[in-house]
Amino acid sequence: MAPQAPKRSSLPYGMQLPIQSQSRLYAEPWEAAATPLDLREIARTADETGFAYLASCDHIAIPRRLADGMGTTWYDPVATLAHLAAVTENVRLMSHVAIVGLRHPLVTAKQYATLDHLSGGRLILGVGAGHVQEEFEVLGVDFERRGPLLDEAIDALRAALGAEEYPEHHGDFYDFGGLGQRPRPAQPRVPVWVGGSSPAAVRRAATRADGWLPQGDPRDKLPAQIARLRRLREEAGNEEPVTVGAITEVLYVGEPSWPVGRRTLHGKPDALAESLRAYAAMGVDQIQVRFRSRSRAELTDQMRAFAAEVAPHLAHP
């Protein structure tokens, strides 16, 4: 029988940054004209109001066939998070997710070790397999083997982001040793979280990762996914704790005076908190939230309202 998730006294909350990725599936209209100042103010607000992390996506180039939906605005996550590390102190900085198979692990390790060093140990390395075939092809990476490539990349990154100045890894795709890299990460162990909800992604999170970032699982599907994750982890003999995440419905704190969409969860803070506590009850350790907004000012107001009026009531009953 799979072990039961421990009881938690609170439910940490983080968010994917706006502006840095502007898929037409979720970006608000105001983001198209937003500036680096807007991004910094959002990061400062998250830092000041107790958000657990800020996350940035990873795409190198978007083919024309996908541009109508995905757009072509995708900031580089390392540059973005390093920029925001300089204007924040406490909030963690997460790639959600880095497509690490597109780059050699020593390149990825150099970038993210430097980020962790500069930020004082605030990195969470979220990784995923990727889904845009043209990105792989233009870089000469086999798209069809992206799953096995990611599996080994995680192992190689464990070594390359570890304590050793001269890391070693000898595998099917990557082979290195005797090459020194400094600075080392500030953290003794950089947490690696796997993103995705496919069977392969859940297996990967269970067997290789410190955390799982589901992608698009509705509430009613999450309990079965979490049970599978924990069963696979037990079967693999992995006794290390795993952080289980969830992406909530889009939120609006209070009663909006404008149409926020029928799928937006909105209302009084205590009602929102009651709804969100259901995630903790099903075994989720942290939630990723997103807010409807018409401007940067409205977004930061929503963030402050959530932190002040909703978050204090997220404690597990």
C-alpha atoms as a PDB file:
ATOM      1  CA  MET A   1       0.000   0.000   0.000  1.00  0.00           C
ATOM      2  CA  ALA A   2       1.335   3.454  -0.929  1.00  0.00           C
ATOM      3  CA  PRO A   3       2.261   5.673   2.027  1.00  0.00           C
ATOM      4  CA  GLN A   4      -0.254   8.331   3.009  1.00  0.00           C
ATOM      5  CA  ALA A   5       0.616  11.979   2.417  1.00  0.00           C
ATOM      6  CA  PRO A   6       1.473  13.719   5.689  1.00  0.00           C
ATOM      7  CA  LYS A   7      -0.847  16.332   7.153  1.00  0.00           C
ATOM      8  CA  ARG A   8       0.195  19.911   6.451  1.00  0.00           C
ATOM      9  CA  SER A   9      -0.393  23.017   8.492  1.00  0.00           C
ATOM     10  CA  SER A  10      -0.347  25.381   5.503  1.00  0.00           C
ATOM     11  CA  LEU A  11      -0.483  25.431   1.723  1.00  0.00           C
ATOM     12  CA  PRO A  12       2.352  27.403   0.086  1.00  0.00           C
ATOM     13  CA  TYR A  13       1.436  29.279  -3.062  1.00  0.00           C
ATOM     14  CA  GLY A  14       3.512  30.428  -6.021  1.00  0.00           C
ATOM     15  CA  MET A  15       2.781  31.823  -9.439  1.00  0.00           C
ATOM     16  CA  GLN A  16       3.870  31.741 -13.040  1.00  0.00           C
ATOM     17  CA  LEU A  17       5.058  35.201 -14.016  1.00  0.00           C
ATOM     18  CA  PRO A  18       2.958  37.105 -16.533  1.00  0.00           C
ATOM     19  CA  ILE A  19       4.603  39.053 -19.365  1.00  0.00           C
ATOM     20  CA  GLN A  20       7.506  36.591 -19.785  1.00  0.00           C
ATOM     21  CA  SER A  21       5.324  34.169 -21.723  1.00  0.00           C
ATOM     22  CA  GLN A  22       2.428  35.488 -23.747  1.00  0.00           C
ATOM     23  CA  SER A  23       0.544  32.543 -25.112  1.00  0.00           C
ATOM     24  CA  ARG A  24      -2.797  33.730 -26.416  1.00  0.00           C
ATOM     25  CA  LEU A  25      -4.355  30.897 -24.432  1.00  0.00           C
ATOM     26  CA  TYR A  26      -3.818  32.724 -21.121  1.00  0.00           C
ATOM     27  CA  ALA A  27      -2.053  36.102 -21.430  1.00  0.00           C
ATOM     28  CA  GLU A  28      -4.076  39.176 -20.485  1.00  0.00           C
ATOM     29  CA  PRO A  29      -4.309  41.954 -23.117  1.00  0.00           C
ATOM     30  CA  TRP A  30      -2.306  44.446 -21.011  1.00  0.00           C
ATOM     31  CA  GLU A  31       0.747  42.181 -21.010  1.00  0.00           C
ATOM     32  CA  ALA A  32       1.562  42.928 -24.668  1.00  0.00           C
ATOM     33  CA  ALA A  33       2.614  46.480 -23.791  1.00  0.00           C
ATOM     34  CA  ALA A  34       4.129  45.663 -20.390  1.00  0.00           C
ATOM     35  CA  THR A  35       7.684  46.704 -19.543  1.00  0.00           C
ATOM     36  CA  PRO A  36      10.561  45.301 -17.479  1.00  0.00           C
ATOM     37  CA  LEU A  37       9.459  47.717 -14.732  1.00  0.00           C
ATOM     38  CA  ASP A  38       6.079  45.965 -14.602  1.00  0.00           C
ATOM     39  CA  LEU A  39       7.817  42.601 -14.287  1.00  0.00           C
ATOM     40  CA  ARG A  40      10.017  43.878 -11.467  1.00  0.00           C
ATOM     41  CA  GLU A  41       7.052  45.354  -9.583  1.00  0.00           C
ATOM     42  CA  ILE A  42       5.191  42.036  -9.807  1.00  0.00           C
ATOM     43  CA  ALA A  43       8.259  40.209  -8.497  1.00  0.00           C
ATOM     44  CA  ARG A  44       8.667  42.682  -5.631  1.00  0.00           C
ATOM     45  CA  THR A  45       5.003  42.273  -4.722  1.00  0.00           C
ATOM     46  CA  ALA A  46       5.360  38.490  -4.651  1.00  0.00           C
ATOM     47  CA  ASP A  47       8.473  38.818  -2.507  1.00  0.00           C
ATOM     48  CA  GLU A  48       6.800  41.167  -0.036  1.00  0.00           C
ATOM     49  CA  THR A  49       3.573  39.194   0.313  1.00  0.00           C
ATOM     50  CA  GLY A  50       4.877  35.689   0.959  1.00  0.00           C
ATOM     51  CA  PHE A  51       4.638  33.957  -2.402  1.00  0.00           C
ATOM     52  CA  ALA A  52       6.724  30.781  -2.320  1.00  0.00           C
ATOM     53  CA  TYR A  53       8.087  31.083  -5.849  1.00  0.00           C
ATOM     54  CA  LEU A  54       7.970  32.875  -9.182  1.00  0.00           C
ATOM     55  CA  ALA A  55       8.194  30.758 -12.323  1.00  0.00           C
ATOM     56  CA  SER A  56       9.355  31.409 -15.874  1.00  0.00           C
ATOM     57  CA  CYS A  57       8.797  29.269 -18.990  1.00  0.00           C
ATOM     58  CA  ASP A  58      11.270  28.046 -21.591  1.00  0.00           C
ATOM     59  CA  HIS A  59      10.892  28.105 -25.361  1.00  0.00           C
ATOM     60  CA  ILE A  60      13.631  29.030 -27.820  1.00  0.00           C
ATOM     61  CA  ALA A  61      11.585  29.676 -30.974  1.00  0.00           C
ATOM     62  CA  ILE A  62       7.974  29.102 -31.978  1.00  0.00           C
ATOM     63  CA  PRO A  63       7.147  27.819 -35.485  1.00  0.00           C
ATOM     64  CA  ARG A  64       4.576  29.655 -37.554  1.00  0.00           C
ATOM     65  CA  ARG A  65       2.146  26.728 -37.334  1.00  0.00           C
ATOM     66  CA  LEU A  66       1.844  27.265 -33.542  1.00  0.00           C
ATOM     67  CA  ALA A  67       2.263  31.022 -33.327  1.00  0.00           C
ATOM     68  CA  ASP A  68      -1.457  31.851 -33.422  1.00  0.00           C
ATOM     69  CA  GLY A  69      -1.966  30.044 -30.139  1.00  0.00           C
ATOM     70  CA  MET A  70       1.400  30.231 -28.421  1.00  0.00           C
ATOM     71  CA  GLY A  71       2.596  33.618 -29.632  1.00  0.00           C
ATOM     72  CA  THR A  72       6.319  34.223 -30.008  1.00  0.00           C
ATOM     73  CA  THR A  73       7.001  36.147 -26.774  1.00  0.00           C
ATOM     74  CA  TRP A  74       8.888  33.787 -24.484  1.00  0.00           C
ATOM     75  CA  TYR A  75      11.582  35.346 -22.297  1.00  0.00           C
ATOM     76  CA  ASP A  76      14.693  33.324 -21.530  1.00  0.00           C
ATOM     77  CA  PRO A  77      14.101  31.879 -18.034  1.00  0.00           C
ATOM     78  CA  VAL A  78      17.683  32.183 -16.764  1.00  0.00           C
ATOM     79  CA  ALA A  79      18.023  35.818 -17.818  1.00  0.00           C
ATOM     80  CA  THR A  80      14.552  36.634 -16.462  1.00  0.00           C
ATOM     81  CA  LEU A  81      14.997  34.940 -13.099  1.00  0.00           C
ATOM     82  CA  ALA A  82      18.498  36.349 -12.638  1.00  0.00           C
ATOM     83  CA  HIS A  83      17.152  39.838 -13.332  1.00  0.00           C
ATOM     84  CA  LEU A  84      14.425  39.375 -10.742  1.00  0.00           C
ATOM     85  CA  ALA A  85      16.800  37.815  -8.213  1.00  0.00           C
ATOM     86  CA  ALA A  86      18.450  41.229  -7.930  1.00  0.00           C
ATOM     87  CA  VAL A  87      15.217  42.962  -6.858  1.00  0.00           C
ATOM     88  CA  THR A  88      13.912  40.254  -4.477  1.00  0.00           C
ATOM     89  CA  GLU A  89      15.194  38.598  -1.328  1.00  0.00           C
ATOM     90  CA  ASN A  90      13.036  35.668  -0.281  1.00  0.00           C
ATOM     91  CA  VAL A  91      10.849  34.351  -3.087  1.00  0.00           C
ATOM     92  CA  ARG A  92      12.212  31.264  -4.818  1.00  0.00           C
ATOM     93  CA  LEU A  93      12.958  31.287  -8.536  1.00  0.00           C
ATOM     94  CA  MET A  94      11.700  28.405 -10.648  1.00  0.00           C
ATOM     95  CA  SER A  95      11.948  27.326 -14.262  1.00  0.00           C
ATOM     96  CA  HIS A  96       8.525  25.997 -15.170  1.00  0.00           C
ATOM     97  CA  VAL A  97       9.727  24.261 -17.096  1.00  0.00           C
ATOM     98  CA  ALA A  98      13.223  24.189 -18.582  1.00  0.00           C
ATOM     99  CA  ILE A  99      13.444  21.970 -21.657  1.00  0.00           C
ATOM    100  CA  VAL A 100      16.802  20.657 -20.559  1.00  0.00           C
ATOM    101  CA  GLY A 101      17.098  18.157 -23.419  1.00  0.00           C
ATOM    102  CA  LEU A 102      17.703  21.058 -25.823  1.00  0.00           C
ATOM    103  CA  ARG A 103      21.050  21.864 -24.201  1.00  0.00           C
ATOM    104  CA  HIS A 104      24.053  19.928 -22.964  1.00  0.00           C
ATOM    105  CA  PRO A 105      23.791  19.408 -19.175  1.00  0.00           C
ATOM    106  CA  LEU A 106      27.046  21.283 -18.586  1.00  0.00           C
ATOM    107  CA  VAL A 107      25.560  24.329 -20.331  1.00  0.00           C
ATOM    108  CA  THR A 108      22.376  24.069 -18.268  1.00  0.00           C
ATOM    109  CA  ALA A 109      24.384  23.526 -15.083  1.00  0.00           C
ATOM    110  CA  LYS A 110      26.585  26.578 -15.762  1.00  0.00           C
ATOM    111  CA  GLN A 111      23.521  28.800 -16.214  1.00  0.00           C
ATOM    112  CA  TYR A 112      21.449  27.566 -13.305  1.00  0.00           C
ATOM    113  CA  ALA A 113      24.362  27.124 -10.867  1.00  0.00           C
ATOM    114  CA  THR A 114      25.237  30.761 -11.484  1.00  0.00           C
ATOM    115  CA  LEU A 115      21.599  31.742 -10.916  1.00  0.00           C
ATOM    116  CA  ASP A 116      21.475  29.800  -7.659  1.00  0.00           C
ATOM    117  CA  HIS A 117      24.779  31.341  -6.548  1.00  0.00           C
ATOM    118  CA  LEU A 118      23.693  34.900  -7.366  1.00  0.00           C
ATOM    119  CA  SER A 119      20.284  34.492  -5.722  1.00  0.00           C
ATOM    120  CA  GLY A 120      21.615  33.015  -2.495  1.00  0.00           C
ATOM    121  CA  GLY A 121      20.213  29.529  -3.078  1.00  0.00           C
ATOM    122  CA  ARG A 122      16.684  30.259  -4.286  1.00  0.00           C
ATOM    123  CA  LEU A 123      16.544  28.098  -7.433  1.00  0.00           C
ATOM    124  CA  ILE A 124      13.986  25.379  -8.104  1.00  0.00           C
ATOM    125  CA  LEU A 125      14.874  23.649 -11.356  1.00  0.00           C
ATOM    126  CA  GLY A 126      11.646  22.597 -13.028  1.00  0.00           C
ATOM    127  CA  VAL A 127      12.241  20.397 -16.067  1.00  0.00           C
ATOM    128  CA  GLY A 128      10.119  18.979 -18.852  1.00  0.00           C
ATOM    129  CA  ALA A 129      10.372  17.033 -22.081  1.00  0.00           C
ATOM    130  CA  GLY A 130       9.133  19.734 -24.457  1.00  0.00           C
ATOM    131  CA  HIS A 131       6.532  19.450 -27.201  1.00  0.00           C
ATOM    132  CA  VAL A 132       7.598  21.712 -30.107  1.00  0.00           C
ATOM    133  CA  GLN A 133       9.287  19.469 -32.649  1.00  0.00           C
ATOM    134  CA  GLU A 134      10.858  22.287 -34.667  1.00  0.00           C
ATOM    135  CA  GLU A 135      12.813  23.511 -31.620  1.00  0.00           C
ATOM    136  CA  PHE A 136      14.516  20.148 -31.376  1.00  0.00           C
ATOM    137  CA  GLU A 137      15.127  19.824 -35.098  1.00  0.00           C
ATOM    138  CA  VAL A 138      16.776  23.230 -35.520  1.00  0.00           C
ATOM    139  CA  LEU A 139      19.174  22.418 -32.685  1.00  0.00           C
ATOM    140  CA  GLY A 140      19.946  18.960 -34.005  1.00  0.00           C
ATOM    141  CA  VAL A 141      18.258  17.112 -31.123  1.00  0.00           C
ATOM    142  CA  ASP A 142      16.179  13.983 -31.727  1.00  0.00           C
ATOM    143  CA  PHE A 143      12.582  14.919 -30.893  1.00  0.00           C
ATOM    144  CA  GLU A 144      11.421  11.293 -30.820  1.00  0.00           C
ATOM    145  CA  ARG A 145      13.947  10.446 -28.091  1.00  0.00           C
ATOM    146  CA  ARG A 146      13.184  13.448 -25.893  1.00  0.00           C
ATOM    147  CA  GLY A 147      11.839  11.263 -23.074  1.00  0.00           C
ATOM    148  CA  PRO A 148      14.966   9.107 -22.586  1.00  0.00           C
ATOM    149  CA  LEU A 149      17.042  12.228 -23.199  1.00  0.00           C
ATOM    150  CA  LEU A 150      15.291  14.020 -20.323  1.00  0.00           C
ATOM    151  CA  ASP A 151      15.684  11.017 -18.026  1.00  0.00           C
ATOM    152  CA  GLU A 152      19.433  11.022 -18.507  1.00  0.00           C
ATOM    153  CA  ALA A 153      19.654  14.817 -18.453  1.00  0.00           C
ATOM    154  CA  ILE A 154      18.158  14.801 -14.945  1.00  0.00           C
ATOM    155  CA  ASP A 155      20.793  12.306 -13.797  1.00  0.00           C
ATOM    156  CA  ALA A 156      23.562  14.319 -15.442  1.00  0.00           C
ATOM    157  CA  LEU A 157      22.295  17.541 -13.885  1.00  0.00           C
ATOM    158  CA  ARG A 158      22.242  15.930 -10.456  1.00  0.00           C
ATOM    159  CA  ALA A 159      25.974  15.448 -10.865  1.00  0.00           C
ATOM    160  CA  ALA A 160      26.667  18.775 -12.561  1.00  0.00           C
ATOM    161  CA  LEU A 161      24.717  20.758  -9.924  1.00  0.00           C
ATOM    162  CA  GLY A 162      26.142  18.828  -7.004  1.00  0.00           C
ATOM    163  CA  ALA A 163      28.966  19.732  -4.659  1.00  0.00           C
ATOM    164  CA  GLU A 164      31.841  18.546  -6.859  1.00  0.00           C
ATOM    165  CA  GLU A 165      33.800  21.154  -8.781  1.00  0.00           C
ATOM    166  CA  TYR A 166      34.672  18.449 -11.342  1.00  0.00           C
ATOM    167  CA  PRO A 167      31.409  16.544 -11.832  1.00  0.00           C
ATOM    168  CA  GLU A 168      31.262  13.242 -13.676  1.00  0.00           C
ATOM    169  CA  HIS A 169      28.549  11.516 -15.662  1.00  0.00           C
ATOM    170  CA  HIS A 170      28.893   8.650 -18.108  1.00  0.00           C
ATOM    171  CA  GLY A 171      25.735   7.696 -19.968  1.00  0.00           C
ATOM    172  CA  ASP A 172      24.232   6.946 -23.364  1.00  0.00           C
ATOM    173  CA  PHE A 173      23.692  10.585 -24.370  1.00  0.00           C
ATOM    174  CA  TYR A 174      26.146  12.524 -22.206  1.00  0.00           C
ATOM    175  CA  ASP A 175      29.669  11.690 -21.122  1.00  0.00           C
ATOM    176  CA  PHE A 176      31.805  14.129 -19.150  1.00  0.00           C
ATOM    177  CA  GLY A 177      34.399  14.257 -16.409  1.00  0.00           C
ATOM    178  CA  GLY A 178      37.517  16.181 -15.441  1.00  0.00           C
ATOM    179  CA  LEU A 179      35.940  19.538 -16.343  1.00  0.00           C
ATOM    180  CA  GLY A 180      35.617  22.045 -13.520  1.00  0.00           C
ATOM    181  CA  GLN A 181      32.742  24.481 -13.128  1.00  0.00           C
ATOM    182  CA  ARG A 182      32.493  27.327 -10.673  1.00  0.00           C
ATOM    183  CA  PRO A 183      30.607  28.956  -9.096  1.00  0.00           C
ATOM    184  CA  ARG A 184      28.877  26.020  -7.485  1.00  0.00           C
ATOM    185  CA  PRO A 185      25.215  26.329  -6.481  1.00  0.00           C
ATOM    186  CA  ALA A 186      24.605  27.912  -3.084  1.00  0.00           C
ATOM    187  CA  GLN A 187      22.248  25.055  -2.167  1.00  0.00           C
ATOM    188  CA  PRO A 188      23.736  21.694  -1.200  1.00  0.00           C
ATOM    189  CA  ARG A 189      21.041  20.082  -3.366  1.00  0.00           C
ATOM    190  CA  VAL A 190      19.147  22.022  -6.006  1.00  0.00           C
ATOM    191  CA  PRO A 191      15.550  20.733  -6.008  1.00  0.00           C
ATOM    192  CA  VAL A 192      14.493  19.258  -9.345  1.00  0.00           C
ATOM    193  CA  TRP A 193      10.774  19.212 -10.066  1.00  0.00           C
ATOM    194  CA  VAL A 194       9.353  17.441 -13.121  1.00  0.00           C
ATOM    195  CA  GLY A 195       6.525  19.054 -15.057  1.00  0.00           C
ATOM    196  CA  GLY A 196       3.835  17.248 -17.011  1.00  0.00           C
ATOM    197  CA  SER A 197       0.888  14.928 -16.505  1.00  0.00           C
ATOM    198  CA  SER A 198       1.534  12.173 -19.028  1.00  0.00           C
ATOM    199  CA  PRO A 199       2.244   8.676 -17.675  1.00  0.00           C
ATOM    200  CA  ALA A 200       5.916   9.167 -18.556  1.00  0.00           C
ATOM    201  CA  ALA A 201       6.072  12.494 -16.705  1.00  0.00           C
ATOM    202  CA  VAL A 202       4.460  11.055 -13.572  1.00  0.00           C
ATOM    203  CA  ARG A 203       6.865   8.106 -13.662  1.00  0.00           C
ATOM    204  CA  ARG A 204       9.792  10.482 -14.120  1.00  0.00           C
ATOM    205  CA  ALA A 205       8.693  12.604 -11.160  1.00  0.00           C
ATOM    206  CA  ALA A 206       8.227   9.508  -9.022  1.00  0.00           C
ATOM    207  CA  THR A 207      11.576   7.934  -9.770  1.00  0.00           C
ATOM    208  CA  ARG A 208      13.931  10.868 -10.379  1.00  0.00           C
ATOM    209  CA  ALA A 209      12.597  14.144  -8.964  1.00  0.00           C
ATOM    210  CA  ASP A 210      12.075  16.078  -5.755  1.00  0.00           C
ATOM    211  CA  GLY A 211       8.742  17.463  -6.909  1.00  0.00           C
ATOM    212  CA  TRP A 212       5.952  17.104  -9.438  1.00  0.00           C
ATOM    213  CA  LEU A 213       4.296  19.926 -11.385  1.00  0.00           C
ATOM    214  CA  PRO A 214       1.105  18.635 -13.002  1.00  0.00           C
ATOM    215  CA  GLN A 215       0.044  20.338 -16.190  1.00  0.00           C
ATOM    216  CA  GLY A 216      -3.658  20.840 -16.693  1.00  0.00           C
ATOM    217  CA  ASP A 217      -5.013  18.086 -14.445  1.00  0.00           C
ATOM    218  CA  PRO A 218      -8.539  18.997 -13.294  1.00  0.00           C
ATOM    219  CA  ARG A 219      -9.351  18.523  -9.632  1.00  0.00           C
ATOM    220  CA  ASP A 220     -11.201  15.267 -10.110  1.00  0.00           C
ATOM    221  CA  LYS A 221      -8.183  13.687 -11.841  1.00  0.00           C
ATOM    222  CA  LEU A 222      -5.540  14.750  -9.332  1.00  0.00           C
ATOM    223  CA  PRO A 223      -6.161  12.207  -6.525  1.00  0.00           C
ATOM    224  CA  ALA A 224      -5.592   9.255  -8.870  1.00  0.00           C
ATOM    225  CA  GLN A 225      -2.470  10.892 -10.321  1.00  0.00           C
ATOM    226  CA  ILE A 226      -1.074  11.584  -6.851  1.00  0.00           C
ATOM    227  CA  ALA A 227      -1.774   8.007  -5.768  1.00  0.00           C
ATOM    228  CA  ARG A 228       0.050   6.702  -8.848  1.00  0.00           C
ATOM    229  CA  LEU A 229       2.990   9.014  -8.194  1.00  0.00           C
ATOM    230  CA  ARG A 230       3.358   7.784  -4.621  1.00  0.00           C
ATOM    231  CA  ARG A 231       2.913   4.129  -5.631  1.00  0.00           C
ATOM    232  CA  LEU A 232       5.594   4.392  -8.311  1.00  0.00           C
ATOM    233  CA  ARG A 233       7.914   6.146  -5.892  1.00  0.00           C
ATOM    234  CA  GLU A 234       7.473   3.416  -3.318  1.00  0.00           C
ATOM    235  CA  GLU A 235       8.023   0.709  -5.938  1.00  0.00           C
ATOM    236  CA  ALA A 236      11.250   2.438  -6.984  1.00  0.00           C
ATOM    237  CA  GLY A 237      12.455   2.384  -3.385  1.00  0.00           C
ATOM    238  CA  ASN A 238      12.721   6.169  -3.313  1.00  0.00           C
ATOM    239  CA  GLU A 239      12.187   7.194   0.299  1.00  0.00           C
ATOM    240  CA  GLU A 240      12.947  10.886  -0.212  1.00  0.00           C
ATOM    241  CA  PRO A 241       9.947  13.218   0.241  1.00  0.00           C
ATOM    242  CA  VAL A 242       8.333  14.534  -2.922  1.00  0.00           C
ATOM    243  CA  THR A 243       6.616  17.910  -3.280  1.00  0.00           C
ATOM    244  CA  VAL A 244       3.291  17.575  -5.069  1.00  0.00           C
ATOM    245  CA  GLY A 245       2.026  20.673  -6.844  1.00  0.00           C
ATOM    246  CA  ALA A 246      -1.207  21.722  -8.499  1.00  0.00           C
ATOM    247  CA  ILE A 247      -2.218  24.547 -10.818  1.00  0.00           C
ATOM    248  CA  THR A 248      -5.457  26.018  -9.524  1.00  0.00           C
ATOM    249  CA  GLU A 249      -8.303  27.549 -11.435  1.00  0.00           C
ATOM    250  CA  VAL A 250      -7.739  31.169 -12.466  1.00  0.00           C
ATOM    251  CA  LEU A 251      -8.673  33.378  -9.500  1.00  0.00           C
ATOM    252  CA  TYR A 252     -10.212  36.758  -8.760  1.00  0.00           C
ATOM    253  CA  VAL A 253     -10.399  37.837  -5.131  1.00  0.00           C
ATOM    254  CA  GLY A 254     -13.760  39.534  -4.544  1.00  0.00           C
ATOM    255  CA  GLU A 255     -16.692  40.114  -6.840  1.00  0.00           C
ATOM    256  CA  PRO A 256     -15.470  41.454 -10.194  1.00  0.00           C
ATOM    257  CA  SER A 257     -17.193  44.351 -11.933  1.00  0.00           C
ATOM    258  CA  TRP A 258     -16.142  43.019 -15.327  1.00  0.00           C
ATOM    259  CA  PRO A 259     -16.510  39.642 -17.079  1.00  0.00           C
ATOM    260  CA  VAL A 260     -13.727  37.348 -15.800  1.00  0.00           C
ATOM    261  CA  GLY A 261     -14.976  34.198 -17.511  1.00  0.00           C
ATOM    262  CA  ARG A 262     -17.141  31.393 -16.213  1.00  0.00           C
ATOM    263  CA  ARG A 263     -14.163  29.210 -15.307  1.00  0.00           C
ATOM    264  CA  THR A 264     -12.620  31.836 -13.027  1.00  0.00           C
ATOM    265  CA  LEU A 265     -12.916  31.066  -9.329  1.00  0.00           C
ATOM    266  CA  HIS A 266     -14.022  34.304  -7.665  1.00  0.00           C
ATOM    267  CA  GLY A 267     -15.821  35.535  -4.589  1.00  0.00           C
ATOM    268  CA  LYS A 268     -15.219  36.327  -0.950  1.00  0.00           C
ATOM    269  CA  PRO A 269     -11.820  35.397   0.467  1.00  0.00           C
ATOM    270  CA  ASP A 270     -13.155  32.803   2.896  1.00  0.00           C
ATOM    271  CA  ALA A 271     -15.040  31.038   0.096  1.00  0.00           C
ATOM    272  CA  LEU A 272     -11.931  31.012  -2.095  1.00  0.00           C
ATOM    273  CA  ALA A 273      -9.855  29.642   0.782  1.00  0.00           C
ATOM    274  CA  GLU A 274     -12.397  26.902   1.443  1.00  0.00           C
ATOM    275  CA  SER A 275     -12.281  25.859  -2.199  1.00  0.00           C
ATOM    276  CA  LEU A 276      -8.488  25.888  -2.351  1.00  0.00           C
ATOM    277  CA  ARG A 277      -8.111  23.865   0.849  1.00  0.00           C
ATOM    278  CA  ALA A 278      -9.496  20.929  -1.099  1.00  0.00           C
ATOM    279  CA  TYR A 279      -6.108  20.676  -2.816  1.00  0.00           C
ATOM    280  CA  ALA A 280      -4.338  20.115   0.497  1.00  0.00           C
ATOM    281  CA  ALA A 281      -6.926  17.533   1.483  1.00  0.00           C
ATOM    282  CA  MET A 282      -6.138  15.462  -1.634  1.00  0.00           C
ATOM    283  CA  GLY A 283      -2.383  15.450  -0.924  1.00  0.00           C
ATOM    284  CA  VAL A 284      -1.118  18.582  -2.684  1.00  0.00           C
ATOM    285  CA  ASP A 285       1.856  20.327  -1.032  1.00  0.00           C
ATOM    286  CA  GLN A 286       1.857  23.624  -2.953  1.00  0.00           C
ATOM    287  CA  ILE A 287      -0.444  25.424  -5.355  1.00  0.00           C
ATOM    288  CA  GLN A 288       0.320  27.631  -8.333  1.00  0.00           C
ATOM    289  CA  VAL A 289      -2.158  30.482  -8.671  1.00  0.00           C
ATOM    290  CA  ARG A 290      -2.995  32.886 -11.483  1.00  0.00           C
ATOM    291  CA  PHE A 291      -5.216  35.971 -11.364  1.00  0.00           C
ATOM    292  CA  ARG A 292      -7.453  37.703 -13.898  1.00  0.00           C
ATOM    293  CA  SER A 293      -6.461  41.337 -14.317  1.00  0.00           C
ATOM    294  CA  ARG A 294      -6.743  44.316 -16.657  1.00  0.00           C
ATOM    295  CA  SER A 295      -3.485  46.005 -15.687  1.00  0.00           C
ATOM    296  CA  ARG A 296      -0.330  45.469 -13.694  1.00  0.00           C
ATOM    297  CA  ALA A 297      -1.852  47.529 -10.863  1.00  0.00           C
ATOM    298  CA  GLU A 298      -4.919  45.304 -10.719  1.00  0.00           C
ATOM    299  CA  LEU A 299      -2.730  42.194 -10.744  1.00  0.00           C
ATOM    300  CA  THR A 300      -0.564  43.377  -7.838  1.00  0.00           C
ATOM    301  CA  ASP A 301      -3.723  44.416  -5.972  1.00  0.00           C
ATOM    302  CA  GLN A 302      -5.060  40.896  -6.486  1.00  0.00           C
ATOM    303  CA  MET A 303      -1.789  39.395  -5.265  1.00  0.00           C
ATOM    304  CA  ARG A 304      -1.883  41.525  -2.106  1.00  0.00           C
ATOM    305  CA  ALA A 305      -5.539  40.687  -1.479  1.00  0.00           C
ATOM    306  CA  PHE A 306      -4.851  36.981  -1.887  1.00  0.00           C
ATOM    307  CA  ALA A 307      -1.878  37.094   0.486  1.00  0.00           C
ATOM    308  CA  ALA A 308      -3.711  39.143   3.124  1.00  0.00           C
ATOM    309  CA  GLU A 309      -7.222  37.736   2.942  1.00  0.00           C
ATOM    310  CA  VAL A 310      -7.080  34.241   1.431  1.00  0.00           C
ATOM    311  CA  ALA A 311      -3.680  32.753   2.302  1.00  0.00           C
ATOM    312  CA  PRO A 312      -4.130  32.976   6.097  1.00  0.00           C
ATOM    313  CA  HIS A 313      -7.098  30.619   5.747  1.00  0.00           C
ATOM    314  CA  LEU A 314      -5.320  27.984   3.667  1.00  0.00           C
ATOM    315  CA  ALA A 315      -4.250  26.016   6.739  1.00  0.00           C
ATOM    316  CA  HIS A 316      -5.279  22.362   6.598  1.00  0.00           C
ATOM    317  CA  PRO A 317      -8.242  21.845   9.002  1.00  0.00           C
END
